Amino acid sequence: MGDLRARQLRRNMTEAEKRLWSRLRSNRLGAHFRRQHRVGPYIVDFACLERKLFVEVDGGQHNEPDGLAHDARRTGFLRRDGYTVLRFWNNDVLARTDDVVETIWHHLNPANR
């Protein structure tokens, strides 16, 4: 079920996810990312497994009480396995793509901070 859902999410990415994916794909930041990757019971927007980094692109529903609670549970689950979770709002990805990509790059390359 999760693999089917991940496949559907890959086919129906938001504009913000599409824009960010165009900057993350093909090792453009020196690291391999997967999109809509299943991790346990969750599907993360972008995963760099070898660097233990997940990137989430969130819409307004994530700012509602149910969304906030779900995200807190999910982030806790992912961090227990040693992953870093970066979250960006859709509008930030769309309006400040270069800044978002730079933030991701710095997390991938902590010596260059």
PDB file of N, CA and C in Angstrom:
ATOM      1  N   MET A   1       0.821  -1.197   0.000  1.00  0.00           N
ATOM      2  CA  MET A   1       0.000   0.000   0.000  1.00  0.00           C
ATOM      3  C   MET A   1       0.864   1.259   0.000  1.00  0.00           C
ATOM      4  N   GLY A   2       1.917   1.286   0.849  1.00  0.00           N
ATOM      5  CA  GLY A   2       2.781   2.452   0.933  1.00  0.00           C
ATOM      6  C   GLY A   2       3.514   2.721  -0.364  1.00  0.00           C
ATOM      7  N   ASP A   3       3.946   1.639  -1.052  1.00  0.00           N
ATOM      8  CA  ASP A   3       4.660   1.823  -2.315  1.00  0.00           C
ATOM      9  C   ASP A   3       3.741   2.399  -3.384  1.00  0.00           C
ATOM     10  N   LEU A   4       2.493   1.967  -3.408  1.00  0.00           N
ATOM     11  CA  LEU A   4       1.519   2.512  -4.355  1.00  0.00           C
ATOM     12  C   LEU A   4       1.269   3.986  -4.061  1.00  0.00           C
ATOM     13  N   ARG A   5       1.127   4.317  -2.789  1.00  0.00           N
ATOM     14  CA  ARG A   5       0.909   5.720  -2.400  1.00  0.00           C
ATOM     15  C   ARG A   5       2.116   6.580  -2.775  1.00  0.00           C
ATOM     16  N   ALA A   6       3.323   6.074  -2.558  1.00  0.00           N
ATOM     17  CA  ALA A   6       4.532   6.820  -2.922  1.00  0.00           C
ATOM     18  C   ALA A   6       4.569   7.060  -4.426  1.00  0.00           C
ATOM     19  N   ARG A   7       4.197   6.067  -5.195  1.00  0.00           N
ATOM     20  CA  ARG A   7       4.160   6.204  -6.659  1.00  0.00           C
ATOM     21  C   ARG A   7       3.154   7.276  -7.075  1.00  0.00           C
ATOM     22  N   GLN A   8       2.001   7.285  -6.421  1.00  0.00           N
ATOM     23  CA  GLN A   8       0.984   8.305  -6.719  1.00  0.00           C
ATOM     24  C   GLN A   8       1.497   9.703  -6.373  1.00  0.00           C
ATOM     25  N   LEU A   9       2.177   9.824  -5.252  1.00  0.00           N
ATOM     26  CA  LEU A   9       2.718  11.117  -4.848  1.00  0.00           C
ATOM     27  C   LEU A   9       3.792  11.600  -5.823  1.00  0.00           C
ATOM     28  N   ARG A  10       4.601  10.673  -6.343  1.00  0.00           N
ATOM     29  CA  ARG A  10       5.620  11.060  -7.334  1.00  0.00           C
ATOM     30  C   ARG A  10       4.965  11.585  -8.601  1.00  0.00           C
ATOM     31  N   ARG A  11       3.847  10.990  -8.992  1.00  0.00           N
ATOM     32  CA  ARG A  11       3.149  11.438 -10.212  1.00  0.00           C
ATOM     33  C   ARG A  11       2.424  12.763 -10.006  1.00  0.00           C
ATOM     34  N   ASN A  12       2.065  13.068  -8.777  1.00  0.00           N
ATOM     35  CA  ASN A  12       1.243  14.254  -8.494  1.00  0.00           C
ATOM     36  C   ASN A  12       1.948  15.235  -7.559  1.00  0.00           C
ATOM     37  N   MET A  13       3.206  15.530  -7.841  1.00  0.00           N
ATOM     38  CA  MET A  13       3.960  16.436  -6.991  1.00  0.00           C
ATOM     39  C   MET A  13       3.396  17.853  -7.093  1.00  0.00           C
ATOM     40  N   THR A  14       3.500  18.605  -5.992  1.00  0.00           N
ATOM     41  CA  THR A  14       3.089  20.004  -5.999  1.00  0.00           C
ATOM     42  C   THR A  14       4.102  20.812  -6.810  1.00  0.00           C
ATOM     43  N   GLU A  15       3.747  22.029  -7.144  1.00  0.00           N
ATOM     44  CA  GLU A  15       4.683  22.891  -7.882  1.00  0.00           C
ATOM     45  C   GLU A  15       5.957  23.119  -7.076  1.00  0.00           C
ATOM     46  N   ALA A  16       5.819  23.300  -5.772  1.00  0.00           N
ATOM     47  CA  ALA A  16       7.000  23.498  -4.931  1.00  0.00           C
ATOM     48  C   ALA A  16       7.884  22.251  -4.936  1.00  0.00           C
ATOM     49  N   GLU A  17       7.276  21.065  -4.838  1.00  0.00           N
ATOM     50  CA  GLU A  17       8.055  19.831  -4.876  1.00  0.00           C
ATOM     51  C   GLU A  17       8.749  19.660  -6.223  1.00  0.00           C
ATOM     52  N   LYS A  18       8.053  19.978  -7.298  1.00  0.00           N
ATOM     53  CA  LYS A  18       8.661  19.882  -8.628  1.00  0.00           C
ATOM     54  C   LYS A  18       9.874  20.801  -8.743  1.00  0.00           C
ATOM     55  N   ARG A  19       9.721  22.025  -8.249  1.00  0.00           N
ATOM     56  CA  ARG A  19      10.826  22.977  -8.348  1.00  0.00           C
ATOM     57  C   ARG A  19      12.030  22.496  -7.535  1.00  0.00           C
ATOM     58  N   LEU A  20      11.775  22.031  -6.317  1.00  0.00           N
ATOM     59  CA  LEU A  20      12.888  21.568  -5.496  1.00  0.00           C
ATOM     60  C   LEU A  20      13.516  20.308  -6.085  1.00  0.00           C
ATOM     61  N   TRP A  21      12.699  19.401  -6.595  1.00  0.00           N
ATOM     62  CA  TRP A  21      13.220  18.176  -7.193  1.00  0.00           C
ATOM     63  C   TRP A  21      14.141  18.489  -8.370  1.00  0.00           C
ATOM     64  N   SER A  22      13.810  19.517  -9.129  1.00  0.00           N
ATOM     65  CA  SER A  22      14.665  19.876 -10.266  1.00  0.00           C
ATOM     66  C   SER A  22      16.054  20.306  -9.799  1.00  0.00           C
ATOM     67  N   ARG A  23      16.171  20.732  -8.551  1.00  0.00           N
ATOM     68  CA  ARG A  23      17.462  21.160  -8.017  1.00  0.00           C
ATOM     69  C   ARG A  23      18.176  20.047  -7.237  1.00  0.00           C
ATOM     70  N   LEU A  24      17.430  19.031  -6.806  1.00  0.00           N
ATOM     71  CA  LEU A  24      18.026  17.950  -6.018  1.00  0.00           C
ATOM     72  C   LEU A  24      18.399  16.725  -6.853  1.00  0.00           C
ATOM     73  N   ARG A  25      17.711  16.525  -7.949  1.00  0.00           N
ATOM     74  CA  ARG A  25      17.877  15.290  -8.729  1.00  0.00           C
ATOM     75  C   ARG A  25      19.257  15.214  -9.377  1.00  0.00           C
ATOM     76  N   SER A  26      19.618  14.038  -9.777  1.00  0.00           N
ATOM     77  CA  SER A  26      20.866  13.777 -10.519  1.00  0.00           C
ATOM     78  C   SER A  26      22.113  14.237  -9.763  1.00  0.00           C
ATOM     79  N   ASN A  27      22.111  14.074  -8.458  1.00  0.00           N
ATOM     80  CA  ASN A  27      23.277  14.404  -7.627  1.00  0.00           C
ATOM     81  C   ASN A  27      23.742  15.847  -7.775  1.00  0.00           C
ATOM     82  N   ARG A  28      22.837  16.751  -8.062  1.00  0.00           N
ATOM     83  CA  ARG A  28      23.222  18.146  -8.294  1.00  0.00           C
ATOM     84  C   ARG A  28      23.853  18.813  -7.078  1.00  0.00           C
ATOM     85  N   LEU A  29      23.564  18.320  -5.897  1.00  0.00           N
ATOM     86  CA  LEU A  29      24.185  18.881  -4.693  1.00  0.00           C
ATOM     87  C   LEU A  29      25.302  17.979  -4.174  1.00  0.00           C
ATOM     88  N   GLY A  30      25.723  17.037  -5.002  1.00  0.00           N
ATOM     89  CA  GLY A  30      26.780  16.125  -4.593  1.00  0.00           C
ATOM     90  C   GLY A  30      26.289  14.983  -3.727  1.00  0.00           C
ATOM     91  N   ALA A  31      24.998  14.750  -3.717  1.00  0.00           N
ATOM     92  CA  ALA A  31      24.400  13.675  -2.925  1.00  0.00           C
ATOM     93  C   ALA A  31      23.168  13.156  -3.671  1.00  0.00           C
ATOM     94  N   HIS A  32      22.909  11.878  -3.498  1.00  0.00           N
ATOM     95  CA  HIS A  32      21.772  11.249  -4.174  1.00  0.00           C
ATOM     96  C   HIS A  32      20.504  11.404  -3.344  1.00  0.00           C
ATOM     97  N   PHE A  33      19.473  11.966  -3.959  1.00  0.00           N
ATOM     98  CA  PHE A  33      18.165  12.095  -3.322  1.00  0.00           C
ATOM     99  C   PHE A  33      17.153  11.201  -4.019  1.00  0.00           C
ATOM    100  N   ARG A  34      16.233  10.681  -3.234  1.00  0.00           N
ATOM    101  CA  ARG A  34      15.063   9.966  -3.741  1.00  0.00           C
ATOM    102  C   ARG A  34      13.859  10.840  -3.436  1.00  0.00           C
ATOM    103  N   ARG A  35      12.822  10.732  -4.251  1.00  0.00           N
ATOM    104  CA  ARG A  35      11.614  11.501  -3.967  1.00  0.00           C
ATOM    105  C   ARG A  35      10.500  10.559  -3.558  1.00  0.00           C
ATOM    106  N   GLN A  36       9.668  11.058  -2.649  1.00  0.00           N
ATOM    107  CA  GLN A  36       8.530  10.294  -2.117  1.00  0.00           C
ATOM    108  C   GLN A  36       8.990   8.892  -1.706  1.00  0.00           C
ATOM    109  N   HIS A  37       9.884   8.863  -0.751  1.00  0.00           N
ATOM    110  CA  HIS A  37      10.515   7.621  -0.298  1.00  0.00           C
ATOM    111  C   HIS A  37       9.847   7.124   0.988  1.00  0.00           C
ATOM    112  N   ARG A  38       9.523   5.851   1.005  1.00  0.00           N
ATOM    113  CA  ARG A  38       8.852   5.253   2.165  1.00  0.00           C
ATOM    114  C   ARG A  38       9.875   4.927   3.246  1.00  0.00           C
ATOM    115  N   VAL A  39       9.560   5.361   4.474  1.00  0.00           N
ATOM    116  CA  VAL A  39      10.384   5.076   5.654  1.00  0.00           C
ATOM    117  C   VAL A  39       9.431   4.617   6.745  1.00  0.00           C
ATOM    118  N   GLY A  40       9.441   3.340   7.045  1.00  0.00           N
ATOM    119  CA  GLY A  40       8.488   2.809   8.019  1.00  0.00           C
ATOM    120  C   GLY A  40       7.080   3.099   7.536  1.00  0.00           C
ATOM    121  N   PRO A  41       6.238   3.644   8.412  1.00  0.00           N
ATOM    122  CA  PRO A  41       4.855   3.927   8.014  1.00  0.00           C
ATOM    123  C   PRO A  41       4.692   5.267   7.283  1.00  0.00           C
ATOM    124  N   TYR A  42       5.782   5.972   7.049  1.00  0.00           N
ATOM    125  CA  TYR A  42       5.712   7.315   6.478  1.00  0.00           C
ATOM    126  C   TYR A  42       6.329   7.378   5.082  1.00  0.00           C
ATOM    127  N   ILE A  43       5.945   8.406   4.358  1.00  0.00           N
ATOM    128  CA  ILE A  43       6.553   8.704   3.058  1.00  0.00           C
ATOM    129  C   ILE A  43       7.118  10.111   3.163  1.00  0.00           C
ATOM    130  N   VAL A  44       8.434  10.230   2.952  1.00  0.00           N
ATOM    131  CA  VAL A  44       9.077  11.544   3.028  1.00  0.00           C
ATOM    132  C   VAL A  44       9.187  12.108   1.621  1.00  0.00           C
ATOM    133  N   ASP A  45       9.126  13.437   1.520  1.00  0.00           N
ATOM    134  CA  ASP A  45       9.169  14.073   0.209  1.00  0.00           C
ATOM    135  C   ASP A  45      10.494  13.790  -0.500  1.00  0.00           C
ATOM    136  N   PHE A  46      11.613  14.039   0.187  1.00  0.00           N
ATOM    137  CA  PHE A  46      12.926  13.829  -0.410  1.00  0.00           C
ATOM    138  C   PHE A  46      13.842  13.197   0.627  1.00  0.00           C
ATOM    139  N   ALA A  47      14.579  12.176   0.212  1.00  0.00           N
ATOM    140  CA  ALA A  47      15.449  11.454   1.129  1.00  0.00           C
ATOM    141  C   ALA A  47      16.846  11.332   0.555  1.00  0.00           C
ATOM    142  N   CYS A  48      17.817  11.691   1.362  1.00  0.00           N
ATOM    143  CA  CYS A  48      19.218  11.437   1.046  1.00  0.00           C
ATOM    144  C   CYS A  48      19.688  10.446   2.109  1.00  0.00           C
ATOM    145  N   LEU A  49      19.605   9.168   1.773  1.00  0.00           N
ATOM    146  CA  LEU A  49      19.834   8.118   2.754  1.00  0.00           C
ATOM    147  C   LEU A  49      21.275   8.084   3.238  1.00  0.00           C
ATOM    148  N   GLU A  50      22.243   8.244   2.332  1.00  0.00           N
ATOM    149  CA  GLU A  50      23.640   8.137   2.753  1.00  0.00           C
ATOM    150  C   GLU A  50      24.078   9.286   3.663  1.00  0.00           C
ATOM    151  N   ARG A  51      23.377  10.411   3.608  1.00  0.00           N
ATOM    152  CA  ARG A  51      23.702  11.540   4.491  1.00  0.00           C
ATOM    153  C   ARG A  51      22.685  11.682   5.624  1.00  0.00           C
ATOM    154  N   LYS A  52      21.742  10.733   5.681  1.00  0.00           N
ATOM    155  CA  LYS A  52      20.721  10.697   6.737  1.00  0.00           C
ATOM    156  C   LYS A  52      19.954  12.021   6.839  1.00  0.00           C
ATOM    157  N   LEU A  53      19.481  12.496   5.681  1.00  0.00           N
ATOM    158  CA  LEU A  53      18.764  13.758   5.611  1.00  0.00           C
ATOM    159  C   LEU A  53      17.442  13.561   4.873  1.00  0.00           C
ATOM    160  N   PHE A  54      16.366  14.046   5.479  1.00  0.00           N
ATOM    161  CA  PHE A  54      15.057  14.080   4.846  1.00  0.00           C
ATOM    162  C   PHE A  54      14.647  15.531   4.690  1.00  0.00           C
ATOM    163  N   VAL A  55      14.023  15.844   3.551  1.00  0.00           N
ATOM    164  CA  VAL A  55      13.537  17.190   3.284  1.00  0.00           C
ATOM    165  C   VAL A  55      12.041  17.104   3.022  1.00  0.00           C
ATOM    166  N   GLU A  56      11.281  17.905   3.750  1.00  0.00           N
ATOM    167  CA  GLU A  56       9.835  17.958   3.609  1.00  0.00           C
ATOM    168  C   GLU A  56       9.429  19.323   3.083  1.00  0.00           C
ATOM    169  N   VAL A  57       8.478  19.340   2.168  1.00  0.00           N
ATOM    170  CA  VAL A  57       7.915  20.573   1.625  1.00  0.00           C
ATOM    171  C   VAL A  57       6.448  20.591   2.034  1.00  0.00           C
ATOM    172  N   ASP A  58       6.099  21.544   2.890  1.00  0.00           N
ATOM    173  CA  ASP A  58       4.788  21.535   3.536  1.00  0.00           C
ATOM    174  C   ASP A  58       3.868  22.635   3.038  1.00  0.00           C
ATOM    175  N   GLY A  59       2.602  22.273   2.899  1.00  0.00           N
ATOM    176  CA  GLY A  59       1.544  23.229   2.596  1.00  0.00           C
ATOM    177  C   GLY A  59       0.849  23.652   3.872  1.00  0.00           C
ATOM    178  N   GLY A  60      -0.171  24.472   3.731  1.00  0.00           N
ATOM    179  CA  GLY A  60      -0.878  25.040   4.870  1.00  0.00           C
ATOM    180  C   GLY A  60      -1.499  24.038   5.811  1.00  0.00           C
ATOM    181  N   GLN A  61      -1.880  22.861   5.319  1.00  0.00           N
ATOM    182  CA  GLN A  61      -2.503  21.862   6.186  1.00  0.00           C
ATOM    183  C   GLN A  61      -1.561  21.420   7.308  1.00  0.00           C
ATOM    184  N   HIS A  62      -0.269  21.605   7.118  1.00  0.00           N
ATOM    185  CA  HIS A  62       0.704  21.227   8.145  1.00  0.00           C
ATOM    186  C   HIS A  62       0.738  22.232   9.288  1.00  0.00           C
ATOM    187  N   ASN A  63       0.047  23.356   9.142  1.00  0.00           N
ATOM    188  CA  ASN A  63       0.002  24.379  10.183  1.00  0.00           C
ATOM    189  C   ASN A  63      -1.279  24.290  11.012  1.00  0.00           C
ATOM    190  N   GLU A  64      -2.110  23.309  10.727  1.00  0.00           N
ATOM    191  CA  GLU A  64      -3.333  23.057  11.497  1.00  0.00           C
ATOM    192  C   GLU A  64      -2.985  22.143  12.672  1.00  0.00           C
ATOM    193  N   PRO A  65      -3.785  22.142  13.755  1.00  0.00           N
ATOM    194  CA  PRO A  65      -3.464  21.314  14.920  1.00  0.00           C
ATOM    195  C   PRO A  65      -3.212  19.839  14.589  1.00  0.00           C
ATOM    196  N   ASP A  66      -4.062  19.226  13.771  1.00  0.00           N
ATOM    197  CA  ASP A  66      -3.858  17.815  13.420  1.00  0.00           C
ATOM    198  C   ASP A  66      -2.571  17.628  12.636  1.00  0.00           C
ATOM    199  N   GLY A  67      -2.297  18.535  11.709  1.00  0.00           N
ATOM    200  CA  GLY A  67      -1.081  18.456  10.910  1.00  0.00           C
ATOM    201  C   GLY A  67       0.169  18.628  11.759  1.00  0.00           C
ATOM    202  N   LEU A  68       0.126  19.568  12.695  1.00  0.00           N
ATOM    203  CA  LEU A  68       1.271  19.785  13.583  1.00  0.00           C
ATOM    204  C   LEU A  68       1.546  18.555  14.445  1.00  0.00           C
ATOM    205  N   ALA A  69       0.488  17.949  14.966  1.00  0.00           N
ATOM    206  CA  ALA A  69       0.656  16.755  15.802  1.00  0.00           C
ATOM    207  C   ALA A  69       1.210  15.591  14.985  1.00  0.00           C
ATOM    208  N   HIS A  70       0.686  15.399  13.796  1.00  0.00           N
ATOM    209  CA  HIS A  70       1.166  14.322  12.926  1.00  0.00           C
ATOM    210  C   HIS A  70       2.633  14.534  12.573  1.00  0.00           C
ATOM    211  N   ASP A  71       2.986  15.764  12.213  1.00  0.00           N
ATOM    212  CA  ASP A  71       4.376  16.061  11.852  1.00  0.00           C
ATOM    213  C   ASP A  71       5.326  15.846  13.032  1.00  0.00           C
ATOM    214  N   ALA A  72       4.887  16.176  14.239  1.00  0.00           N
ATOM    215  CA  ALA A  72       5.728  15.970  15.423  1.00  0.00           C
ATOM    216  C   ALA A  72       5.988  14.484  15.649  1.00  0.00           C
ATOM    217  N   ARG A  73       4.948  13.648  15.510  1.00  0.00           N
ATOM    218  CA  ARG A  73       5.120  12.200  15.655  1.00  0.00           C
ATOM    219  C   ARG A  73       6.058  11.664  14.585  1.00  0.00           C
ATOM    220  N   ARG A  74       5.830  12.110  13.380  1.00  0.00           N
ATOM    221  CA  ARG A  74       6.611  11.649  12.237  1.00  0.00           C
ATOM    222  C   ARG A  74       8.085  12.050  12.368  1.00  0.00           C
ATOM    223  N   THR A  75       8.327  13.310  12.727  1.00  0.00           N
ATOM    224  CA  THR A  75       9.698  13.788  12.884  1.00  0.00           C
ATOM    225  C   THR A  75      10.402  13.034  14.008  1.00  0.00           C
ATOM    226  N   GLY A  76       9.698  12.784  15.103  1.00  0.00           N
ATOM    227  CA  GLY A  76      10.270  11.999  16.199  1.00  0.00           C
ATOM    228  C   GLY A  76      10.661  10.605  15.746  1.00  0.00           C
ATOM    229  N   PHE A  77       9.800   9.968  14.990  1.00  0.00           N
ATOM    230  CA  PHE A  77      10.079   8.628  14.460  1.00  0.00           C
ATOM    231  C   PHE A  77      11.340   8.657  13.592  1.00  0.00           C
ATOM    232  N   LEU A  78      11.432   9.625  12.699  1.00  0.00           N
ATOM    233  CA  LEU A  78      12.566   9.699  11.773  1.00  0.00           C
ATOM    234  C   LEU A  78      13.863  10.047  12.501  1.00  0.00           C
ATOM    235  N   ARG A  79      13.802  10.918  13.478  1.00  0.00           N
ATOM    236  CA  ARG A  79      15.007  11.302  14.221  1.00  0.00           C
ATOM    237  C   ARG A  79      15.538  10.181  15.101  1.00  0.00           C
ATOM    238  N   ARG A  80      14.664   9.293  15.572  1.00  0.00           N
ATOM    239  CA  ARG A  80      15.121   8.169  16.393  1.00  0.00           C
ATOM    240  C   ARG A  80      16.116   7.306  15.644  1.00  0.00           C
ATOM    241  N   ASP A  81      16.021   7.286  14.326  1.00  0.00           N
ATOM    242  CA  ASP A  81      16.967   6.520  13.522  1.00  0.00           C
ATOM    243  C   ASP A  81      18.169   7.362  13.089  1.00  0.00           C
ATOM    244  N   GLY A  82      18.305   8.551  13.675  1.00  0.00           N
ATOM    245  CA  GLY A  82      19.471   9.376  13.416  1.00  0.00           C
ATOM    246  C   GLY A  82      19.370  10.289  12.206  1.00  0.00           C
ATOM    247  N   TYR A  83      18.176  10.447  11.650  1.00  0.00           N
ATOM    248  CA  TYR A  83      17.997  11.315  10.486  1.00  0.00           C
ATOM    249  C   TYR A  83      17.730  12.753  10.918  1.00  0.00           C
ATOM    250  N   THR A  84      18.194  13.672  10.102  1.00  0.00           N
ATOM    251  CA  THR A  84      17.846  15.080  10.246  1.00  0.00           C
ATOM    252  C   THR A  84      16.658  15.335   9.328  1.00  0.00           C
ATOM    253  N   VAL A  85      15.689  16.085   9.803  1.00  0.00           N
ATOM    254  CA  VAL A  85      14.505  16.418   9.011  1.00  0.00           C
ATOM    255  C   VAL A  85      14.475  17.931   8.828  1.00  0.00           C
ATOM    256  N   LEU A  86      14.542  18.382   7.572  1.00  0.00           N
ATOM    257  CA  LEU A  86      14.399  19.797   7.247  1.00  0.00           C
ATOM    258  C   LEU A  86      13.012  20.011   6.674  1.00  0.00           C
ATOM    259  N   ARG A  87      12.341  21.049   7.144  1.00  0.00           N
ATOM    260  CA  ARG A  87      10.994  21.374   6.656  1.00  0.00           C
ATOM    261  C   ARG A  87      10.994  22.774   6.071  1.00  0.00           C
ATOM    262  N   PHE A  88      10.357  22.885   4.915  1.00  0.00           N
ATOM    263  CA  PHE A  88      10.217  24.172   4.251  1.00  0.00           C
ATOM    264  C   PHE A  88       8.758  24.335   3.835  1.00  0.00           C
ATOM    265  N   TRP A  89       8.255  25.559   3.897  1.00  0.00           N
ATOM    266  CA  TRP A  89       6.913  25.844   3.417  1.00  0.00           C
ATOM    267  C   TRP A  89       6.926  25.927   1.901  1.00  0.00           C
ATOM    268  N   ASN A  90       5.824  25.525   1.289  1.00  0.00           N
ATOM    269  CA  ASN A  90       5.689  25.617  -0.165  1.00  0.00           C
ATOM    270  C   ASN A  90       6.073  27.001  -0.678  1.00  0.00           C
ATOM    271  N   ASN A  91       5.531  28.036  -0.037  1.00  0.00           N
ATOM    272  CA  ASN A  91       5.778  29.392  -0.542  1.00  0.00           C
ATOM    273  C   ASN A  91       7.251  29.785  -0.435  1.00  0.00           C
ATOM    274  N   ASP A  92       7.977  29.266   0.554  1.00  0.00           N
ATOM    275  CA  ASP A  92       9.413  29.536   0.639  1.00  0.00           C
ATOM    276  C   ASP A  92      10.168  28.856  -0.496  1.00  0.00           C
ATOM    277  N   VAL A  93       9.792  27.626  -0.806  1.00  0.00           N
ATOM    278  CA  VAL A  93      10.438  26.913  -1.914  1.00  0.00           C
ATOM    279  C   VAL A  93      10.185  27.658  -3.221  1.00  0.00           C
ATOM    280  N   LEU A  94       8.977  28.142  -3.410  1.00  0.00           N
ATOM    281  CA  LEU A  94       8.636  28.824  -4.657  1.00  0.00           C
ATOM    282  C   LEU A  94       9.250  30.220  -4.752  1.00  0.00           C
ATOM    283  N   ALA A  95       9.287  30.944  -3.646  1.00  0.00           N
ATOM    284  CA  ALA A  95       9.753  32.342  -3.682  1.00  0.00           C
ATOM    285  C   ALA A  95      11.254  32.482  -3.442  1.00  0.00           C
ATOM    286  N   ARG A  96      11.830  31.521  -2.700  1.00  0.00           N
ATOM    287  CA  ARG A  96      13.247  31.630  -2.336  1.00  0.00           C
ATOM    288  C   ARG A  96      13.961  30.310  -2.577  1.00  0.00           C
ATOM    289  N   THR A  97      13.823  29.778  -3.761  1.00  0.00           N
ATOM    290  CA  THR A  97      14.376  28.466  -4.083  1.00  0.00           C
ATOM    291  C   THR A  97      15.873  28.393  -3.799  1.00  0.00           C
ATOM    292  N   ASP A  98      16.619  29.390  -4.212  1.00  0.00           N
ATOM    293  CA  ASP A  98      18.071  29.366  -4.002  1.00  0.00           C
ATOM    294  C   ASP A  98      18.425  29.300  -2.520  1.00  0.00           C
ATOM    295  N   ASP A  99      17.700  30.032  -1.675  1.00  0.00           N
ATOM    296  CA  ASP A  99      17.959  30.001  -0.230  1.00  0.00           C
ATOM    297  C   ASP A  99      17.666  28.622   0.355  1.00  0.00           C
ATOM    298  N   VAL A 100      16.578  28.012  -0.084  1.00  0.00           N
ATOM    299  CA  VAL A 100      16.222  26.671   0.393  1.00  0.00           C
ATOM    300  C   VAL A 100      17.294  25.677  -0.023  1.00  0.00           C
ATOM    301  N   VAL A 101      17.717  25.727  -1.264  1.00  0.00           N
ATOM    302  CA  VAL A 101      18.747  24.804  -1.761  1.00  0.00           C
ATOM    303  C   VAL A 101      20.060  25.027  -1.009  1.00  0.00           C
ATOM    304  N   GLU A 102      20.390  26.271  -0.736  1.00  0.00           N
ATOM    305  CA  GLU A 102      21.619  26.559   0.009  1.00  0.00           C
ATOM    306  C   GLU A 102      21.552  25.977   1.421  1.00  0.00           C
ATOM    307  N   THR A 103      20.405  26.088   2.058  1.00  0.00           N
ATOM    308  CA  THR A 103      20.233  25.500   3.394  1.00  0.00           C
ATOM    309  C   THR A 103      20.434  23.989   3.345  1.00  0.00           C
ATOM    310  N   ILE A 104      19.865  23.341   2.356  1.00  0.00           N
ATOM    311  CA  ILE A 104      20.032  21.891   2.197  1.00  0.00           C
ATOM    312  C   ILE A 104      21.502  21.562   1.959  1.00  0.00           C
ATOM    313  N   TRP A 105      22.157  22.326   1.086  1.00  0.00           N
ATOM    314  CA  TRP A 105      23.561  22.089   0.776  1.00  0.00           C
ATOM    315  C   TRP A 105      24.411  22.175   2.041  1.00  0.00           C
ATOM    316  N   HIS A 106      24.131  23.173   2.896  1.00  0.00           N
ATOM    317  CA  HIS A 106      24.897  23.319   4.132  1.00  0.00           C
ATOM    318  C   HIS A 106      24.689  22.139   5.075  1.00  0.00           C
ATOM    319  N   HIS A 107      23.505  21.562   5.075  1.00  0.00           N
ATOM    320  CA  HIS A 107      23.280  20.375   5.910  1.00  0.00           C
ATOM    321  C   HIS A 107      23.997  19.159   5.342  1.00  0.00           C
ATOM    322  N   LEU A 108      24.156  19.124   4.043  1.00  0.00           N
ATOM    323  CA  LEU A 108      24.899  18.028   3.417  1.00  0.00           C
ATOM    324  C   LEU A 108      26.407  18.196   3.595  1.00  0.00           C
ATOM    325  N   ASN A 109      26.853  19.425   3.785  1.00  0.00           N
ATOM    326  CA  ASN A 109      28.274  19.756   3.859  1.00  0.00           C
ATOM    327  C   ASN A 109      28.548  20.596   5.112  1.00  0.00           C
ATOM    328  N   PRO A 110      28.433  20.001   6.297  1.00  0.00           N
ATOM    329  CA  PRO A 110      28.536  20.786   7.528  1.00  0.00           C
ATOM    330  C   PRO A 110      29.897  21.468   7.713  1.00  0.00           C
ATOM    331  N   ALA A 111      30.941  20.956   7.109  1.00  0.00           N
ATOM    332  CA  ALA A 111      32.258  21.581   7.230  1.00  0.00           C
ATOM    333  C   ALA A 111      32.305  22.929   6.527  1.00  0.00           C
ATOM    334  N   ASN A 112      31.347  23.180   5.617  1.00  0.00           N
ATOM    335  CA  ASN A 112      31.329  24.418   4.846  1.00  0.00           C
ATOM    336  C   ASN A 112      30.342  25.451   5.394  1.00  0.00           C
ATOM    337  N   ARG A 113      29.910  25.284   6.619  1.00  0.00           N
ATOM    338  CA  ARG A 113      28.943  26.234   7.201  1.00  0.00           C
ATOM    339  C   ARG A 113      29.606  27.514   7.593  1.00  0.00           C
TER     340      ARG A 113
END
